[in-house]
Protein backbone atom coordinates (compact mmCIF):
# COMPACT_ATOMS: atom_id res chain seq x y z
CA MET A 1 35.23 38.01 -8.17
CA PHE A 2 35.67 36.81 -4.57
CA ALA A 3 31.49 37.06 -4.32
CA LYS A 4 31.05 35.21 -7.60
CA GLY A 5 33.41 32.34 -6.50
CA PHE A 6 31.66 32.38 -3.09
CA LEU A 7 28.17 32.13 -4.77
CA LEU A 8 29.22 29.20 -7.00
CA LEU A 9 30.64 27.31 -3.81
CA VAL A 10 27.12 28.03 -2.14
CA CYS A 11 25.10 26.84 -5.12
CA LEU A 12 27.44 23.57 -5.50
CA ILE A 13 26.96 22.85 -1.91
CA PHE A 14 22.97 23.26 -2.18
CA ILE A 15 22.96 21.23 -5.32
CA SER A 16 24.68 18.59 -3.69
CA VAL A 17 22.77 18.52 -0.71
CA ASN A 18 19.62 18.22 -2.31
CA ALA A 19 20.60 15.69 -5.01
CA GLU A 20 19.61 12.21 -4.03
CA SER A 21 21.93 9.38 -3.93
CA CYS A 22 22.42 7.58 -6.83
CA ARG A 23 21.68 4.08 -5.31
CA GLU A 24 18.52 5.47 -4.25
CA SER A 25 17.45 6.75 -7.69
CA SER A 26 14.23 5.26 -9.14
CA HIS A 27 16.13 5.65 -12.44
CA ILE A 28 18.69 2.73 -12.18
CA GLU A 29 19.24 0.02 -14.68
CA CYS A 30 21.04 -3.25 -14.03
CA THR A 31 22.59 -6.00 -16.62
CA LEU A 32 24.40 -9.16 -16.39
CA GLU A 33 27.79 -9.56 -17.31
CA GLY A 34 27.94 -8.24 -21.02
CA GLY A 35 24.89 -6.24 -20.75
CA ALA A 36 22.43 -9.12 -20.71
CA ALA A 37 19.05 -8.44 -19.53
CA LEU A 38 18.48 -9.68 -15.87
CA SER A 39 15.99 -11.83 -17.16
CA ASN A 40 18.80 -14.17 -18.49
CA CYS A 41 20.02 -14.89 -15.27
CA GLN A 42 19.52 -18.51 -13.57
CA LEU A 43 16.53 -18.43 -11.15
CA GLY A 44 17.65 -19.14 -7.90
CA ASN A 45 21.32 -18.29 -7.97
CA THR A 46 23.00 -15.65 -6.64
CA THR A 47 24.68 -13.45 -9.62
CA VAL A 48 26.44 -10.08 -10.20
CA ALA A 49 24.28 -7.12 -11.58
CA HIS A 50 26.13 -4.19 -12.86
CA CYS A 51 23.76 -1.13 -12.42
CA SER A 52 23.95 2.30 -13.34
CA VAL A 53 21.80 5.67 -13.56
CA ASP A 54 21.45 7.52 -16.49
CA LEU A 55 23.64 10.49 -17.19
CA SER A 56 20.61 12.77 -17.84
CA PHE A 57 19.45 12.28 -13.99
CA ASP A 58 21.13 14.34 -11.38
CA CYS A 59 22.32 12.11 -8.18
CA THR A 60 25.29 12.22 -5.91
CA GLY A 61 27.68 9.06 -5.65
CA ASP A 62 29.01 6.56 -7.94
CA ARG A 63 27.16 6.85 -11.07
CA SER A 64 27.63 2.64 -11.67
CA TRP A 65 28.51 0.15 -9.43
CA THR A 66 27.67 -3.96 -9.16
CA THR A 67 25.85 -5.81 -6.60
CA ASP A 68 25.03 -9.39 -5.67
CA PHE A 69 21.50 -10.32 -5.86
CA VAL A 70 19.54 -13.38 -5.99
CA CYS A 71 17.71 -14.21 -9.53
CA LYS A 72 14.21 -14.13 -8.82
CA PRO A 73 11.12 -12.45 -10.30
CA CYS A 74 9.89 -8.99 -8.68
CA TYR A 75 6.56 -10.56 -7.54
CA LEU A 76 8.58 -13.13 -5.43
CA LEU A 77 10.15 -10.57 -3.31
CA PRO A 78 9.79 -10.71 0.40
CA THR A 79 7.63 -8.18 1.99
CA GLU A 80 10.69 -6.02 3.29
CA ASP A 81 12.08 -5.86 -0.01
CA LYS A 82 8.63 -4.65 -1.77
CA VAL A 83 6.22 -1.54 -1.31
CA CYS A 84 2.56 -2.07 -1.81
CA SER A 85 -0.12 0.30 -2.36
CA THR A 86 -3.04 0.59 0.39
CA ALA A 87 -5.26 2.45 -2.12
CA ASN A 88 -7.73 -0.23 -2.10
CA ASP A 89 -7.75 -1.04 1.57
CA LYS A 90 -11.12 0.91 1.98
CA THR A 91 -12.46 -1.80 -0.48
CA CYS A 92 -12.37 -4.35 2.31
CA SER A 93 -14.64 -2.56 4.44
CA VAL A 94 -16.91 -1.29 1.75
CA ASP A 95 -17.73 -4.72 -0.14
CA ARG A 96 -16.92 -6.84 2.87
CA ILE A 97 -14.51 -9.08 1.03
CA ASN A 98 -11.51 -11.23 2.33
CA GLU A 99 -8.94 -10.20 -0.47
CA VAL A 100 -8.06 -7.11 -2.36
CA VAL A 101 -5.74 -6.38 -5.13
CA VAL A 102 -2.60 -4.10 -4.38
CA SER A 103 -0.36 -2.63 -6.83
CA CYS A 104 3.51 -3.00 -5.73
CA THR A 105 6.85 -2.28 -6.86
CA ALA A 106 10.49 -3.19 -5.55
CA LYS A 107 12.04 -0.86 -2.66
CA THR A 108 14.70 1.40 -4.22
CA GLY A 109 17.97 -0.27 -4.31
CA VAL A 110 16.57 -3.96 -4.43
CA VAL A 111 17.44 -5.65 -7.82
CA CYS A 112 15.03 -8.10 -9.21
CA VAL A 113 13.73 -9.66 -12.67
CA ALA A 114 11.26 -8.03 -14.27
CA PRO A 115 9.93 -8.94 -17.63
CA ASP A 116 11.15 -6.71 -20.36
CA VAL A 117 8.36 -4.04 -20.22
CA ALA A 118 8.61 -0.53 -21.50
CA ILE A 119 7.41 1.03 -18.34
CA GLU A 120 9.58 1.81 -15.58
CA PRO A 121 9.81 1.06 -12.49
CA TYR A 122 8.10 -2.37 -13.20
CA SER A 123 5.01 -2.71 -11.15
CA TRP A 124 2.77 -5.94 -10.53
CA THR A 125 -0.52 -6.89 -8.81
CA GLU A 126 -0.88 -9.14 -5.50
CA LYS A 127 -3.95 -10.27 -3.78
CA HIS A 128 -3.65 -9.41 -0.05
CA GLN A 129 -5.79 -10.46 2.90
CA CYS A 130 -8.12 -7.85 4.10
CA ILE A 131 -7.05 -7.09 7.80
CA TYR A 132 -10.42 -5.93 9.95
CA ASN A 133 -9.92 -3.75 13.08
CA GLN A 134 -13.20 -4.98 14.27
CA HIS A 135 -15.01 -8.34 14.81
CA VAL A 136 -18.57 -8.37 15.81
CA SER A 137 -20.68 -11.18 16.79
CA HIS A 138 -23.48 -11.30 14.25
CA ILE A 139 -26.06 -12.90 16.81
CA SER A 140 -25.00 -10.41 19.57
CA MET A 141 -25.41 -7.54 17.17
CA ALA A 142 -28.95 -8.87 16.01
CA PHE A 143 -30.32 -9.09 19.67
CA LEU A 144 -28.79 -5.53 20.13
CA SER A 145 -30.47 -4.09 17.10
CA VAL A 146 -33.71 -5.82 18.57
CA LEU A 147 -33.75 -4.67 21.94
CA GLY A 148 -31.80 -1.55 22.08
CA GLY A 149 -32.32 -0.32 18.24
CA GLY A 150 -34.37 2.57 19.45
CA PHE A 151 -31.66 4.34 21.45
CA GLY A 152 -29.05 3.41 18.56
CA PHE A 153 -27.13 0.92 20.35
CA ASP A 154 -27.04 -1.02 17.49
CA ARG A 155 -25.36 1.70 15.41
CA PHE A 156 -22.89 2.36 18.19
CA GLY A 157 -21.87 -1.16 17.96
CA LEU A 158 -21.29 -1.00 14.43
CA SER A 159 -19.06 2.11 14.99
CA MET A 160 -21.49 4.24 13.05
CA ILE A 161 -21.32 6.89 15.89
CA PHE A 162 -23.01 9.93 13.95
CA THR A 163 -26.13 8.02 12.91
CA GLY A 164 -26.03 6.41 16.18
CA ILE A 165 -26.59 9.83 18.13
CA VAL A 166 -29.21 10.94 15.45
CA LYS A 167 -30.98 7.46 16.26
CA LEU A 168 -30.57 8.01 20.02
CA VAL A 169 -32.16 11.93 19.67
CA THR A 170 -34.98 10.87 17.56
CA LEU A 171 -35.76 7.53 19.48
CA GLY A 172 -34.92 5.12 16.58
CA PHE A 173 -36.26 7.47 13.92
CA LEU A 174 -39.52 7.58 15.54
CA GLY A 175 -39.39 3.56 16.00
CA VAL A 176 -39.54 3.05 11.74
CA GLY A 177 -35.54 3.29 11.72
CA SER A 178 -35.24 0.82 14.17
CA ILE A 179 -37.51 -1.73 12.65
CA ILE A 180 -35.55 -1.35 9.44
CA ASP A 181 -32.41 -1.12 11.34
CA ALA A 182 -33.14 -4.46 13.19
CA ILE A 183 -34.31 -6.13 9.69
CA LEU A 184 -31.02 -5.09 7.88
CA VAL A 185 -28.87 -6.31 10.80
CA ILE A 186 -30.29 -9.50 10.85
CA PHE A 187 -29.96 -10.04 7.35
CA GLY A 188 -26.29 -8.91 7.17
CA TYR A 189 -26.87 -5.93 4.91
CA LEU A 190 -25.97 -3.62 7.98
CA SER A 191 -22.30 -4.59 9.20
CA PRO A 192 -19.17 -3.10 11.10
CA VAL A 193 -17.75 0.18 9.51
CA GLU A 194 -14.22 -1.29 9.75
CA GLY A 195 -14.90 -5.10 10.61
CA ILE A 196 -16.79 -8.15 9.81
CA TYR A 197 -19.39 -10.27 11.47
CA VAL A 198 -18.05 -13.47 13.36
C-alpha cells in the first residue's frame, strides 16, 4: 500500500516538473471582454485580453488569466517580441541579394492581433536586410586575381580555402584556371563566400 502511494507521488512530481507553464504554452487563446476576437480591439489602445489554455493540453499554473496588451497587428511587433527564421540566410550569400524573406511568429506569451486564420500559431513573412560578414573591394580582388591567381591568392581572399589550396598546389590549374578565375572575378561572377563586393 505504501509503495503504491509512494509511486503515485513520484509520478505526480515527475509530471509536474516536466509539464510546461501554461503561460508559456503554444496553445494559448486570447479574447476580449465577452469573448470577442482580438481583431475587434481598437488599434493603438491598451486593452485587457482574457487568455486561457485548452483543457486537452497539459501544463502547470493557472489555465486562464488576464493581461494588458497594446492592440497592434502581430507583424508590427518589435524585434524582441517575435521570433524570425534564419532558414533563408544562406540565400543572401548564394544569390548576392540585399534582402531576404523570413517567416516570423510572436514569442510565447506575447499577445498581438492576428487575422482570423485556422493555422495556429499565426505566422507572417517579413523582408530582412542581409548581413554580410565580409566586405571585399572588387578592384583589389581583380588585381589580386590577375597578379596572384596562379598561387590561389584570389580564392583565399574570397574565403574559398579548399579551392585556394588546390589552386596553389596545381599552380593555378596549370594557368588555365587562373585566367578563367581572373575573368570571373573582374565581371563579378566569382564573389566572396559570405560577403559582397564594395
